[in-house]
Amino acid sequence: MKNRNRRLRIHQEGLRSVIGLTFLIFVLNVIIFINLPHWVFGITLILTAALLVFVTYFFRNPIREVEVTDPNFLIAPADGHVVVVETTMENEIFHKEMLQVSIFMSPFNVHANWYPIEGQIIRSEHQKGRHMGAWLPKSSTENERSLVVIETPSKLQLAVRQIAGAMARRIVTYAKAGHSCSRNEHMGFIKLGSRVDMYLPVDTEIFVACGEAVRGNETIIGRLPEK
């Protein structure tokens, strides 16, 4: 696998937020500078600048382009820490045992999501739900979430689920049923703390463990079985 480009930019989902916040901060600081003591202006300037830096940092969009030598390699769909690697009964999509790999994203992780493999999107939908902590097991089935089911060229099916967390209030999914997908393409974006679940064939070879840090569109999660 080769990662050739790590330049940073602001994600399209955050441009309005960053521009709007910059304008509001400018207006607020001008008003405070004119009407209040300079020490108040100084404190406000520092606090608002820190807020702008954090928001800009949150919406960062690293350009990551990978090449893999094996078409069955699965690339991490998100930055974060692996919180689940286990076999589970998947009753919503496949109605059989699947291997679940879950990645938790804190507010300090990159929140862009990538497709983990090339294939055809056969299902894409958004489901309303609760906003409990994304690290909790029940968040996979009870929180607001988006679901994308991908069929690989070898006709294996896997699912990727974007899950809102306690603070996340917006999930963006670009996937559309009937379209093709590939590595290096963004699948979507989740605002604030959240989680991404992958449901894979049970005989998938997994290369990561619980607690391990992964990088979206860079870390190899595992390898799908030969069909």
C-alpha atoms as a PDB file:
ATOM      1  CA  MET A   1       0.000   0.000   0.000  1.00  0.00           C
ATOM      2  CA  LYS A   2       1.275   3.461  -0.846  1.00  0.00           C
ATOM      3  CA  ASN A   3       0.189   6.768   0.707  1.00  0.00           C
ATOM      4  CA  ARG A   4       1.426   9.539  -1.522  1.00  0.00           C
ATOM      5  CA  ASN A   5      -0.178  12.769  -0.323  1.00  0.00           C
ATOM      6  CA  ARG A   6      -0.915  14.165   3.116  1.00  0.00           C
ATOM      7  CA  ARG A   7      -1.693  17.800   2.349  1.00  0.00           C
ATOM      8  CA  LEU A   8      -4.436  19.310   4.511  1.00  0.00           C
ATOM      9  CA  ARG A   9      -7.488  21.336   3.555  1.00  0.00           C
ATOM     10  CA  ILE A  10     -10.907  22.176   5.022  1.00  0.00           C
ATOM     11  CA  HIS A  11     -13.650  19.669   4.219  1.00  0.00           C
ATOM     12  CA  GLN A  12     -16.537  20.952   2.105  1.00  0.00           C
ATOM     13  CA  GLU A  13     -18.929  20.099   4.951  1.00  0.00           C
ATOM     14  CA  GLY A  14     -17.159  22.623   7.173  1.00  0.00           C
ATOM     15  CA  LEU A  15     -16.618  25.578   4.840  1.00  0.00           C
ATOM     16  CA  ARG A  16     -19.851  27.343   5.837  1.00  0.00           C
ATOM     17  CA  SER A  17     -19.191  26.765   9.521  1.00  0.00           C
ATOM     18  CA  VAL A  18     -15.636  28.110   9.357  1.00  0.00           C
ATOM     19  CA  ILE A  19     -16.562  31.140   7.233  1.00  0.00           C
ATOM     20  CA  GLY A  20     -19.644  31.942   9.337  1.00  0.00           C
ATOM     21  CA  LEU A  21     -17.760  31.596  12.613  1.00  0.00           C
ATOM     22  CA  THR A  22     -14.924  33.793  11.309  1.00  0.00           C
ATOM     23  CA  PHE A  23     -17.421  36.546  10.448  1.00  0.00           C
ATOM     24  CA  LEU A  24     -19.190  36.313  13.829  1.00  0.00           C
ATOM     25  CA  ILE A  25     -15.894  36.401  15.716  1.00  0.00           C
ATOM     26  CA  PHE A  26     -14.756  39.435  13.756  1.00  0.00           C
ATOM     27  CA  VAL A  27     -17.992  41.340  14.473  1.00  0.00           C
ATOM     28  CA  LEU A  28     -17.973  40.340  18.158  1.00  0.00           C
ATOM     29  CA  ASN A  29     -14.387  41.455  18.674  1.00  0.00           C
ATOM     30  CA  VAL A  30     -14.967  44.778  16.920  1.00  0.00           C
ATOM     31  CA  ILE A  31     -17.964  45.499  19.172  1.00  0.00           C
ATOM     32  CA  ILE A  32     -16.033  44.561  22.309  1.00  0.00           C
ATOM     33  CA  PHE A  33     -12.980  46.591  21.216  1.00  0.00           C
ATOM     34  CA  ILE A  34     -15.126  49.709  20.763  1.00  0.00           C
ATOM     35  CA  ASN A  35     -17.335  49.408  23.832  1.00  0.00           C
ATOM     36  CA  LEU A  36     -15.413  47.561  26.565  1.00  0.00           C
ATOM     37  CA  PRO A  37     -12.025  47.810  28.308  1.00  0.00           C
ATOM     38  CA  HIS A  38      -9.032  46.532  26.386  1.00  0.00           C
ATOM     39  CA  TRP A  39      -8.410  43.713  28.870  1.00  0.00           C
ATOM     40  CA  VAL A  40     -11.873  42.328  28.089  1.00  0.00           C
ATOM     41  CA  PHE A  41     -11.088  42.580  24.387  1.00  0.00           C
ATOM     42  CA  GLY A  42      -7.803  40.732  24.924  1.00  0.00           C
ATOM     43  CA  ILE A  43      -9.456  37.821  26.737  1.00  0.00           C
ATOM     44  CA  THR A  44     -12.255  37.613  24.175  1.00  0.00           C
ATOM     45  CA  LEU A  45      -9.768  37.682  21.304  1.00  0.00           C
ATOM     46  CA  ILE A  46      -7.792  34.776  22.764  1.00  0.00           C
ATOM     47  CA  LEU A  47     -10.897  32.668  23.499  1.00  0.00           C
ATOM     48  CA  THR A  48     -12.538  33.265  20.125  1.00  0.00           C
ATOM     49  CA  ALA A  49      -9.272  32.607  18.286  1.00  0.00           C
ATOM     50  CA  ALA A  50      -8.936  29.287  20.128  1.00  0.00           C
ATOM     51  CA  LEU A  51     -12.510  28.396  19.151  1.00  0.00           C
ATOM     52  CA  LEU A  52     -11.838  29.203  15.500  1.00  0.00           C
ATOM     53  CA  VAL A  53      -8.645  27.122  15.526  1.00  0.00           C
ATOM     54  CA  PHE A  54     -10.520  24.137  17.002  1.00  0.00           C
ATOM     55  CA  VAL A  55     -13.407  24.348  14.508  1.00  0.00           C
ATOM     56  CA  THR A  56     -10.976  24.657  11.588  1.00  0.00           C
ATOM     57  CA  TYR A  57      -8.963  21.733  12.943  1.00  0.00           C
ATOM     58  CA  PHE A  58     -12.115  19.633  13.365  1.00  0.00           C
ATOM     59  CA  PHE A  59     -13.100  20.123   9.721  1.00  0.00           C
ATOM     60  CA  ARG A  60      -9.634  19.318   8.384  1.00  0.00           C
ATOM     61  CA  ASN A  61      -9.638  17.150   5.303  1.00  0.00           C
ATOM     62  CA  PRO A  62      -6.322  15.354   4.760  1.00  0.00           C
ATOM     63  CA  ILE A  63      -5.814  14.241   1.186  1.00  0.00           C
ATOM     64  CA  ARG A  64      -4.918  10.565   1.378  1.00  0.00           C
ATOM     65  CA  GLU A  65      -4.431   8.519  -1.760  1.00  0.00           C
ATOM     66  CA  VAL A  66      -3.623   4.848  -1.405  1.00  0.00           C
ATOM     67  CA  GLU A  67      -2.691   2.043  -3.751  1.00  0.00           C
ATOM     68  CA  VAL A  68      -3.132  -1.563  -2.684  1.00  0.00           C
ATOM     69  CA  THR A  69      -1.605  -4.660  -4.190  1.00  0.00           C
ATOM     70  CA  ASP A  70      -4.501  -6.936  -3.152  1.00  0.00           C
ATOM     71  CA  PRO A  71      -8.084  -6.053  -4.216  1.00  0.00           C
ATOM     72  CA  ASN A  72      -9.438  -7.887  -1.148  1.00  0.00           C
ATOM     73  CA  PHE A  73      -7.699  -5.573   1.324  1.00  0.00           C
ATOM     74  CA  LEU A  74     -10.066  -3.539   3.491  1.00  0.00           C
ATOM     75  CA  ILE A  75      -8.916  -0.010   4.320  1.00  0.00           C
ATOM     76  CA  ALA A  76     -10.090   1.789   7.472  1.00  0.00           C
ATOM     77  CA  PRO A  77     -13.155   3.929   6.643  1.00  0.00           C
ATOM     78  CA  ALA A  78     -12.387   6.406   9.456  1.00  0.00           C
ATOM     79  CA  ASP A  79      -9.789   7.720  11.862  1.00  0.00           C
ATOM     80  CA  GLY A  80     -10.080   6.701  15.506  1.00  0.00           C
ATOM     81  CA  HIS A  81      -9.666   3.716  17.808  1.00  0.00           C
ATOM     82  CA  VAL A  82     -10.999   0.203  17.254  1.00  0.00           C
ATOM     83  CA  VAL A  83     -13.590  -0.515  19.954  1.00  0.00           C
ATOM     84  CA  VAL A  84     -15.150  -3.753  18.656  1.00  0.00           C
ATOM     85  CA  VAL A  85     -13.782  -6.801  16.847  1.00  0.00           C
ATOM     86  CA  GLU A  86     -16.235  -9.649  17.273  1.00  0.00           C
ATOM     87  CA  THR A  87     -18.620 -12.025  15.577  1.00  0.00           C
ATOM     88  CA  THR A  88     -22.219 -10.901  15.990  1.00  0.00           C
ATOM     89  CA  MET A  89     -25.675 -11.852  14.746  1.00  0.00           C
ATOM     90  CA  GLU A  90     -26.604  -9.160  12.233  1.00  0.00           C
ATOM     91  CA  ASN A  91     -30.417  -9.066  12.052  1.00  0.00           C
ATOM     92  CA  GLU A  92     -31.052  -5.848  10.161  1.00  0.00           C
ATOM     93  CA  ILE A  93     -29.347  -6.449   6.815  1.00  0.00           C
ATOM     94  CA  PHE A  94     -27.863  -9.915   6.362  1.00  0.00           C
ATOM     95  CA  HIS A  95     -29.761 -11.903   9.032  1.00  0.00           C
ATOM     96  CA  LYS A  96     -26.762 -14.082   9.768  1.00  0.00           C
ATOM     97  CA  GLU A  97     -23.518 -14.004  11.713  1.00  0.00           C
ATOM     98  CA  MET A  98     -21.104 -11.306  10.538  1.00  0.00           C
ATOM     99  CA  LEU A  99     -17.763 -10.052  11.767  1.00  0.00           C
ATOM    100  CA  GLN A 100     -18.170  -6.580  13.271  1.00  0.00           C
ATOM    101  CA  VAL A 101     -15.303  -4.082  13.389  1.00  0.00           C
ATOM    102  CA  SER A 102     -16.125  -0.708  14.948  1.00  0.00           C
ATOM    103  CA  ILE A 103     -14.072   2.497  15.027  1.00  0.00           C
ATOM    104  CA  PHE A 104     -14.825   5.268  17.548  1.00  0.00           C
ATOM    105  CA  MET A 105     -14.005   8.852  16.513  1.00  0.00           C
ATOM    106  CA  SER A 106     -13.418  11.475  19.197  1.00  0.00           C
ATOM    107  CA  PRO A 107     -13.969  15.197  18.449  1.00  0.00           C
ATOM    108  CA  PHE A 108     -10.211  15.429  17.767  1.00  0.00           C
ATOM    109  CA  ASN A 109     -10.159  12.825  14.984  1.00  0.00           C
ATOM    110  CA  VAL A 110     -10.640  13.491  11.283  1.00  0.00           C
ATOM    111  CA  HIS A 111     -14.374  13.005  10.678  1.00  0.00           C
ATOM    112  CA  ALA A 112     -14.357  12.365   6.949  1.00  0.00           C
ATOM    113  CA  ASN A 113     -15.285   8.762   6.065  1.00  0.00           C
ATOM    114  CA  TRP A 114     -13.898   6.779   3.143  1.00  0.00           C
ATOM    115  CA  TYR A 115     -15.078   3.693   1.256  1.00  0.00           C
ATOM    116  CA  PRO A 116     -13.075   0.706   2.527  1.00  0.00           C
ATOM    117  CA  ILE A 117     -13.056  -1.182  -0.784  1.00  0.00           C
ATOM    118  CA  GLU A 118     -14.065  -1.013  -4.414  1.00  0.00           C
ATOM    119  CA  GLY A 119     -17.469  -2.296  -5.443  1.00  0.00           C
ATOM    120  CA  GLN A 120     -21.096  -1.529  -6.218  1.00  0.00           C
ATOM    121  CA  ILE A 121     -23.392   0.248  -3.753  1.00  0.00           C
ATOM    122  CA  ILE A 122     -26.536  -1.846  -3.505  1.00  0.00           C
ATOM    123  CA  ARG A 123     -28.162  -0.071  -0.565  1.00  0.00           C
ATOM    124  CA  SER A 124     -27.862   3.354   1.065  1.00  0.00           C
ATOM    125  CA  GLU A 125     -30.277   4.746   3.637  1.00  0.00           C
ATOM    126  CA  HIS A 126     -30.548   7.042   6.653  1.00  0.00           C
ATOM    127  CA  GLN A 127     -32.259   5.945   9.870  1.00  0.00           C
ATOM    128  CA  LYS A 128     -33.420   8.211  12.670  1.00  0.00           C
ATOM    129  CA  GLY A 129     -32.631   7.299  16.257  1.00  0.00           C
ATOM    130  CA  ARG A 130     -31.197   8.296  19.613  1.00  0.00           C
ATOM    131  CA  HIS A 131     -27.964  10.145  20.400  1.00  0.00           C
ATOM    132  CA  MET A 132     -26.362   8.093  23.180  1.00  0.00           C
ATOM    133  CA  GLY A 133     -22.579   7.819  23.477  1.00  0.00           C
ATOM    134  CA  ALA A 134     -21.162   6.329  20.281  1.00  0.00           C
ATOM    135  CA  TRP A 135     -18.828   4.041  22.264  1.00  0.00           C
ATOM    136  CA  LEU A 136     -21.808   2.150  23.754  1.00  0.00           C
ATOM    137  CA  PRO A 137     -22.741  -1.187  22.101  1.00  0.00           C
ATOM    138  CA  LYS A 138     -26.428  -0.208  21.727  1.00  0.00           C
ATOM    139  CA  SER A 139     -25.490   2.827  19.616  1.00  0.00           C
ATOM    140  CA  SER A 140     -25.092   0.504  16.595  1.00  0.00           C
ATOM    141  CA  THR A 141     -28.821  -0.253  16.546  1.00  0.00           C
ATOM    142  CA  GLU A 142     -30.477   2.591  18.474  1.00  0.00           C
ATOM    143  CA  ASN A 143     -28.654   5.786  17.461  1.00  0.00           C
ATOM    144  CA  GLU A 144     -29.266   7.887  14.379  1.00  0.00           C
ATOM    145  CA  ARG A 145     -27.276   6.230  11.614  1.00  0.00           C
ATOM    146  CA  SER A 146     -26.675   5.793   7.911  1.00  0.00           C
ATOM    147  CA  LEU A 147     -26.186   2.439   6.233  1.00  0.00           C
ATOM    148  CA  VAL A 148     -24.224   1.605   3.076  1.00  0.00           C
ATOM    149  CA  VAL A 149     -24.088  -1.941   1.681  1.00  0.00           C
ATOM    150  CA  ILE A 150     -21.327  -2.670  -0.837  1.00  0.00           C
ATOM    151  CA  GLU A 151     -20.964  -5.647  -3.164  1.00  0.00           C
ATOM    152  CA  THR A 152     -17.410  -6.357  -4.290  1.00  0.00           C
ATOM    153  CA  PRO A 153     -16.471  -7.505  -7.815  1.00  0.00           C
ATOM    154  CA  SER A 154     -16.217 -11.043  -6.382  1.00  0.00           C
ATOM    155  CA  LYS A 155     -19.877 -10.749  -5.214  1.00  0.00           C
ATOM    156  CA  LEU A 156     -19.121 -10.585  -1.498  1.00  0.00           C
ATOM    157  CA  GLN A 157     -21.289  -8.157   0.461  1.00  0.00           C
ATOM    158  CA  LEU A 158     -20.313  -5.994   3.399  1.00  0.00           C
ATOM    159  CA  ALA A 159     -21.923  -3.079   5.213  1.00  0.00           C
ATOM    160  CA  VAL A 160     -20.603   0.201   6.578  1.00  0.00           C
ATOM    161  CA  ARG A 161     -22.697   2.063   9.135  1.00  0.00           C
ATOM    162  CA  GLN A 162     -22.100   5.689  10.157  1.00  0.00           C
ATOM    163  CA  ILE A 163     -23.411   6.285  13.684  1.00  0.00           C
ATOM    164  CA  ALA A 164     -24.143   9.606  15.381  1.00  0.00           C
ATOM    165  CA  GLY A 165     -22.831  10.077  18.919  1.00  0.00           C
ATOM    166  CA  ALA A 166     -24.005  12.060  21.938  1.00  0.00           C
ATOM    167  CA  MET A 167     -22.832  15.323  20.359  1.00  0.00           C
ATOM    168  CA  ALA A 168     -23.093  14.478  16.675  1.00  0.00           C
ATOM    169  CA  ARG A 169     -26.233  15.888  15.094  1.00  0.00           C
ATOM    170  CA  ARG A 170     -25.528  15.514  11.407  1.00  0.00           C
ATOM    171  CA  ILE A 171     -24.477  12.542   9.322  1.00  0.00           C
ATOM    172  CA  VAL A 172     -23.659  13.182   5.662  1.00  0.00           C
ATOM    173  CA  THR A 173     -23.603  10.193   3.294  1.00  0.00           C
ATOM    174  CA  TYR A 174     -22.664  10.550  -0.369  1.00  0.00           C
ATOM    175  CA  ALA A 175     -23.344   6.907  -1.280  1.00  0.00           C
ATOM    176  CA  LYS A 176     -26.230   6.206  -3.674  1.00  0.00           C
ATOM    177  CA  ALA A 177     -27.612   2.784  -4.531  1.00  0.00           C
ATOM    178  CA  GLY A 178     -26.605   1.668  -8.002  1.00  0.00           C
ATOM    179  CA  HIS A 179     -23.405   3.710  -8.063  1.00  0.00           C
ATOM    180  CA  SER A 180     -19.917   2.279  -7.930  1.00  0.00           C
ATOM    181  CA  CYS A 181     -17.429   3.160  -5.188  1.00  0.00           C
ATOM    182  CA  SER A 182     -13.691   2.894  -4.739  1.00  0.00           C
ATOM    183  CA  ARG A 183     -10.912   3.575  -2.292  1.00  0.00           C
ATOM    184  CA  ASN A 184      -9.731   7.211  -2.063  1.00  0.00           C
ATOM    185  CA  GLU A 185     -13.357   8.393  -2.329  1.00  0.00           C
ATOM    186  CA  HIS A 186     -15.227   9.977   0.559  1.00  0.00           C
ATOM    187  CA  MET A 187     -18.286   8.043   1.674  1.00  0.00           C
ATOM    188  CA  GLY A 188     -19.461  10.874   3.943  1.00  0.00           C
ATOM    189  CA  PHE A 189     -18.800  12.990   7.009  1.00  0.00           C
ATOM    190  CA  ILE A 190     -20.005  12.928  10.641  1.00  0.00           C
ATOM    191  CA  LYS A 191     -19.957  16.015  12.853  1.00  0.00           C
ATOM    192  CA  LEU A 192     -18.475  15.667  16.369  1.00  0.00           C
ATOM    193  CA  GLY A 193     -17.964  12.403  18.323  1.00  0.00           C
ATOM    194  CA  SER A 194     -19.245   9.399  16.432  1.00  0.00           C
ATOM    195  CA  ARG A 195     -18.562   5.866  15.233  1.00  0.00           C
ATOM    196  CA  VAL A 196     -18.294   3.721  12.096  1.00  0.00           C
ATOM    197  CA  ASP A 197     -19.214   0.012  12.110  1.00  0.00           C
ATOM    198  CA  MET A 198     -18.209  -2.485   9.447  1.00  0.00           C
ATOM    199  CA  TYR A 199     -20.026  -5.820   9.012  1.00  0.00           C
ATOM    200  CA  LEU A 200     -17.864  -8.317   7.158  1.00  0.00           C
ATOM    201  CA  PRO A 201     -18.017 -12.010   6.201  1.00  0.00           C
ATOM    202  CA  VAL A 202     -17.127 -14.102   9.269  1.00  0.00           C
ATOM    203  CA  ASP A 203     -14.059 -15.609   7.603  1.00  0.00           C
ATOM    204  CA  THR A 204     -12.502 -12.195   6.902  1.00  0.00           C
ATOM    205  CA  GLU A 205      -8.893 -12.008   8.093  1.00  0.00           C
ATOM    206  CA  ILE A 206      -8.559  -9.094  10.546  1.00  0.00           C
ATOM    207  CA  PHE A 207      -5.279  -7.231  11.059  1.00  0.00           C
ATOM    208  CA  VAL A 208      -6.311  -4.877  13.908  1.00  0.00           C
ATOM    209  CA  ALA A 209      -7.272  -5.341  17.557  1.00  0.00           C
ATOM    210  CA  CYS A 210      -9.429  -3.510  20.092  1.00  0.00           C
ATOM    211  CA  GLY A 211      -7.781  -0.341  21.351  1.00  0.00           C
ATOM    212  CA  GLU A 212      -5.624   0.073  18.263  1.00  0.00           C
ATOM    213  CA  ALA A 213      -5.494   3.495  16.574  1.00  0.00           C
ATOM    214  CA  VAL A 214      -6.304   3.510  12.850  1.00  0.00           C
ATOM    215  CA  ARG A 215      -6.216   6.110  10.084  1.00  0.00           C
ATOM    216  CA  GLY A 216      -8.946   6.431   7.480  1.00  0.00           C
ATOM    217  CA  ASN A 217      -7.984   5.453   3.925  1.00  0.00           C
ATOM    218  CA  GLU A 218      -4.591   4.349   5.215  1.00  0.00           C
ATOM    219  CA  THR A 219      -4.679   1.524   7.794  1.00  0.00           C
ATOM    220  CA  ILE A 220      -5.377  -1.957   6.422  1.00  0.00           C
ATOM    221  CA  ILE A 221      -8.219  -3.363   8.554  1.00  0.00           C
ATOM    222  CA  GLY A 222      -8.239  -6.836   7.080  1.00  0.00           C
ATOM    223  CA  ARG A 223      -8.606  -9.004   4.018  1.00  0.00           C
ATOM    224  CA  LEU A 224     -11.814 -10.409   2.579  1.00  0.00           C
ATOM    225  CA  PRO A 225     -11.894 -14.164   1.921  1.00  0.00           C
ATOM    226  CA  GLU A 226     -11.476 -15.562  -1.563  1.00  0.00           C
ATOM    227  CA  LYS A 227     -14.842 -16.575  -2.933  1.00  0.00           C
END
